[in-house]
Amino acid sequence: MVNAIDYQKRGHLNHTILLVEDDCNLLEVIHESLADEGYRLTKATSGEEAIALLKTKSFDLVITDLIMGRENGISVLKKVKELNHETQVIIMTGTIDITFVIEALRLDANDYILKPFALNDLLDRIGSCLEKLESTRGNGGQRCAREFSMVIV
């Protein structure tokens, strides 16, 4: 797995990340933690807000909660891949439901992490997704092999 610190040292912190989480406290904790690591971040507190942002701005990575209001993480994932298939997506959830996992895989989610998670686990996943993005861009748009992993903390 990619070491997030090594990845940062190579100067890849110019990527844009959209954080989508309806729990405002958790959103702030994740935002502050990733901002401290030097990432460029945009926050959304709902799937609807995320989809509106996706229509006006492009992101390299979207980290979205799965269970939200009317527009859930699957809706956000669908919109991300519709607008730019290269955009990486990490799904966060506090529930283990194989139906959602299968649906996320089918829709090309790049990774999946169970809450609660350790910051280092999230940083490793971010580094891995951004490296995959660079690899994809470096191969003339060819998609690299997708890794899909689960962590239970």
Protein backbone atom coordinates (compact mmCIF):
# COMPACT_ATOMS: atom_id res chain seq x y z
CA MET A 1 0.00 0.00 0.00
CA VAL A 2 1.12 3.56 -0.68
CA ASN A 3 2.64 5.45 2.22
CA ALA A 4 0.78 8.77 2.34
CA ILE A 5 3.83 10.65 3.60
CA ASP A 6 5.99 9.33 0.74
CA TYR A 7 3.25 10.31 -1.70
CA GLN A 8 3.08 13.84 -0.27
CA LYS A 9 6.86 14.22 -0.49
CA ARG A 10 6.60 13.61 -4.24
CA GLY A 11 4.54 16.80 -4.54
CA HIS A 12 1.10 15.44 -5.41
CA LEU A 13 -0.80 17.64 -2.99
CA ASN A 14 -2.09 19.83 -5.80
CA HIS A 15 -5.02 17.44 -6.29
CA THR A 16 -8.53 18.59 -5.40
CA ILE A 17 -10.65 16.55 -3.00
CA LEU A 18 -14.39 16.84 -2.33
CA LEU A 19 -15.46 15.64 1.13
CA VAL A 20 -19.14 14.66 1.46
CA GLU A 21 -20.45 13.86 4.94
CA ASP A 22 -23.79 14.73 6.56
CA ASP A 23 -22.36 14.46 10.10
CA CYS A 24 -20.97 17.99 10.44
CA ASN A 25 -18.71 17.07 13.37
CA LEU A 26 -17.10 14.20 11.46
CA LEU A 27 -16.84 16.34 8.33
CA GLU A 28 -14.91 18.98 10.30
CA VAL A 29 -12.57 16.42 11.87
CA ILE A 30 -11.76 14.86 8.49
CA HIS A 31 -11.43 18.28 6.85
CA GLU A 32 -9.06 19.60 9.51
CA SER A 33 -6.98 16.41 9.47
CA LEU A 34 -6.58 16.42 5.69
CA ALA A 35 -5.99 20.18 5.59
CA ASP A 36 -3.18 19.66 8.11
CA GLU A 37 -1.68 17.20 5.62
CA GLY A 38 -1.78 19.90 2.94
CA TYR A 39 -4.65 18.70 0.76
CA ARG A 40 -6.87 21.16 -1.17
CA LEU A 41 -10.40 20.45 0.02
CA THR A 42 -14.01 21.36 -0.61
CA LYS A 43 -16.77 20.29 1.81
CA ALA A 44 -20.38 19.27 1.19
CA THR A 45 -22.85 18.33 3.92
CA SER A 46 -25.27 16.42 1.67
CA GLY A 47 -25.41 14.42 -1.52
CA GLU A 48 -27.45 17.20 -3.12
CA GLU A 49 -24.79 19.80 -2.31
CA ALA A 50 -22.06 17.47 -3.60
CA ILE A 51 -23.86 16.87 -6.89
CA ALA A 52 -24.36 20.62 -7.36
CA LEU A 53 -20.61 21.17 -6.76
CA LEU A 54 -19.69 18.36 -9.16
CA LYS A 55 -21.65 20.10 -11.91
CA THR A 56 -19.59 23.28 -11.56
CA LYS A 57 -16.14 22.09 -10.54
CA SER A 58 -13.97 19.07 -11.22
CA PHE A 59 -12.26 17.07 -8.49
CA ASP A 60 -9.52 14.46 -8.56
CA LEU A 61 -10.96 12.55 -5.62
CA VAL A 62 -14.35 12.42 -3.93
CA ILE A 63 -14.63 10.98 -0.42
CA THR A 64 -18.31 10.45 0.32
CA ASP A 65 -20.43 9.04 3.08
CA LEU A 66 -22.72 6.26 1.89
CA ILE A 67 -25.86 6.81 3.97
CA MET A 68 -27.19 10.37 3.72
CA GLY A 69 -30.47 12.01 2.77
CA ARG A 70 -32.27 11.77 -0.57
CA GLU A 71 -29.01 11.74 -2.55
CA ASN A 72 -26.79 9.11 -0.93
CA GLY A 73 -23.20 8.10 -1.63
CA ILE A 74 -24.28 5.84 -4.50
CA SER A 75 -25.99 8.84 -6.15
CA VAL A 76 -22.83 10.89 -5.68
CA LEU A 77 -20.70 8.05 -7.10
CA LYS A 78 -22.96 7.77 -10.17
CA LYS A 79 -22.74 11.52 -10.83
CA VAL A 80 -18.95 11.54 -10.36
CA LYS A 81 -18.43 8.73 -12.88
CA GLU A 82 -20.96 10.25 -15.29
CA LEU A 83 -19.11 13.57 -15.32
CA ASN A 84 -15.52 12.28 -15.26
CA HIS A 85 -14.78 8.58 -15.13
CA GLU A 86 -11.16 9.22 -14.06
CA THR A 87 -12.22 10.90 -10.80
CA GLN A 88 -11.42 8.59 -7.92
CA VAL A 89 -14.08 7.82 -5.28
CA ILE A 90 -13.74 6.51 -1.74
CA ILE A 91 -16.99 5.46 -0.05
CA MET A 92 -17.20 5.83 3.77
CA THR A 93 -19.85 4.09 5.82
CA GLY A 94 -20.65 3.01 9.34
CA THR A 95 -22.69 0.04 8.18
CA ILE A 96 -21.69 -3.22 6.56
CA ASP A 97 -24.27 -3.97 3.89
CA ILE A 98 -23.06 -6.24 1.11
CA THR A 99 -25.72 -4.83 -1.22
CA PHE A 100 -24.11 -1.39 -1.10
CA VAL A 101 -20.63 -2.86 -1.49
CA ILE A 102 -21.68 -4.75 -4.62
CA GLU A 103 -23.42 -1.68 -6.03
CA ALA A 104 -20.37 0.53 -5.33
CA LEU A 105 -18.09 -2.02 -7.04
CA ARG A 106 -20.38 -2.22 -10.04
CA LEU A 107 -20.30 1.57 -10.34
CA ASP A 108 -16.47 1.70 -10.16
CA ALA A 109 -15.89 2.97 -6.64
CA ASN A 110 -12.13 2.97 -6.14
CA ASP A 111 -12.13 2.19 -2.44
CA TYR A 112 -14.37 1.67 0.58
CA ILE A 113 -13.63 2.39 4.23
CA LEU A 114 -15.67 1.52 7.31
CA LYS A 115 -16.25 4.06 10.07
CA PRO A 116 -14.74 4.48 12.52
CA PHE A 117 -11.36 4.48 10.80
CA ALA A 118 -7.87 5.61 11.66
CA LEU A 119 -6.60 8.72 9.89
CA ASN A 120 -3.58 6.79 8.58
CA ASP A 121 -5.92 4.29 6.90
CA LEU A 122 -7.72 7.12 5.12
CA LEU A 123 -4.42 8.77 4.16
CA ASP A 124 -3.16 5.49 2.68
CA ARG A 125 -6.33 5.16 0.62
CA ILE A 126 -6.11 8.75 -0.57
CA GLY A 127 -2.50 8.24 -1.61
CA SER A 128 -3.38 5.03 -3.42
CA CYS A 129 -6.30 6.61 -5.28
CA LEU A 130 -4.26 9.64 -6.33
CA GLU A 131 -1.44 7.41 -7.54
CA LYS A 132 -3.97 5.41 -9.57
CA LEU A 133 -5.26 8.67 -11.02
CA GLU A 134 -1.74 9.73 -12.03
CA SER A 135 -1.09 6.28 -13.47
CA THR A 136 -4.28 6.49 -15.50
CA ARG A 137 -3.40 9.93 -16.79
CA GLY A 138 0.15 8.78 -17.53
CA ASN A 139 -1.07 5.83 -19.62
CA GLY A 140 -2.91 7.89 -22.19
CA GLY A 141 -6.21 7.57 -20.37
CA GLN A 142 -6.07 3.79 -19.99
CA ARG A 143 -7.57 2.66 -16.73
CA CYS A 144 -5.34 0.87 -14.30
CA ALA A 145 -6.42 -2.14 -12.31
CA ARG A 146 -8.79 -1.22 -9.54
CA GLU A 147 -8.14 -2.18 -5.94
CA PHE A 148 -11.08 -2.43 -3.62
CA SER A 149 -10.37 -3.01 0.02
CA MET A 150 -12.21 -2.96 3.30
CA VAL A 151 -10.88 -2.01 6.70
CA ILE A 152 -12.47 -2.77 10.02
CA VAL A 153 -11.08 -0.66 12.84
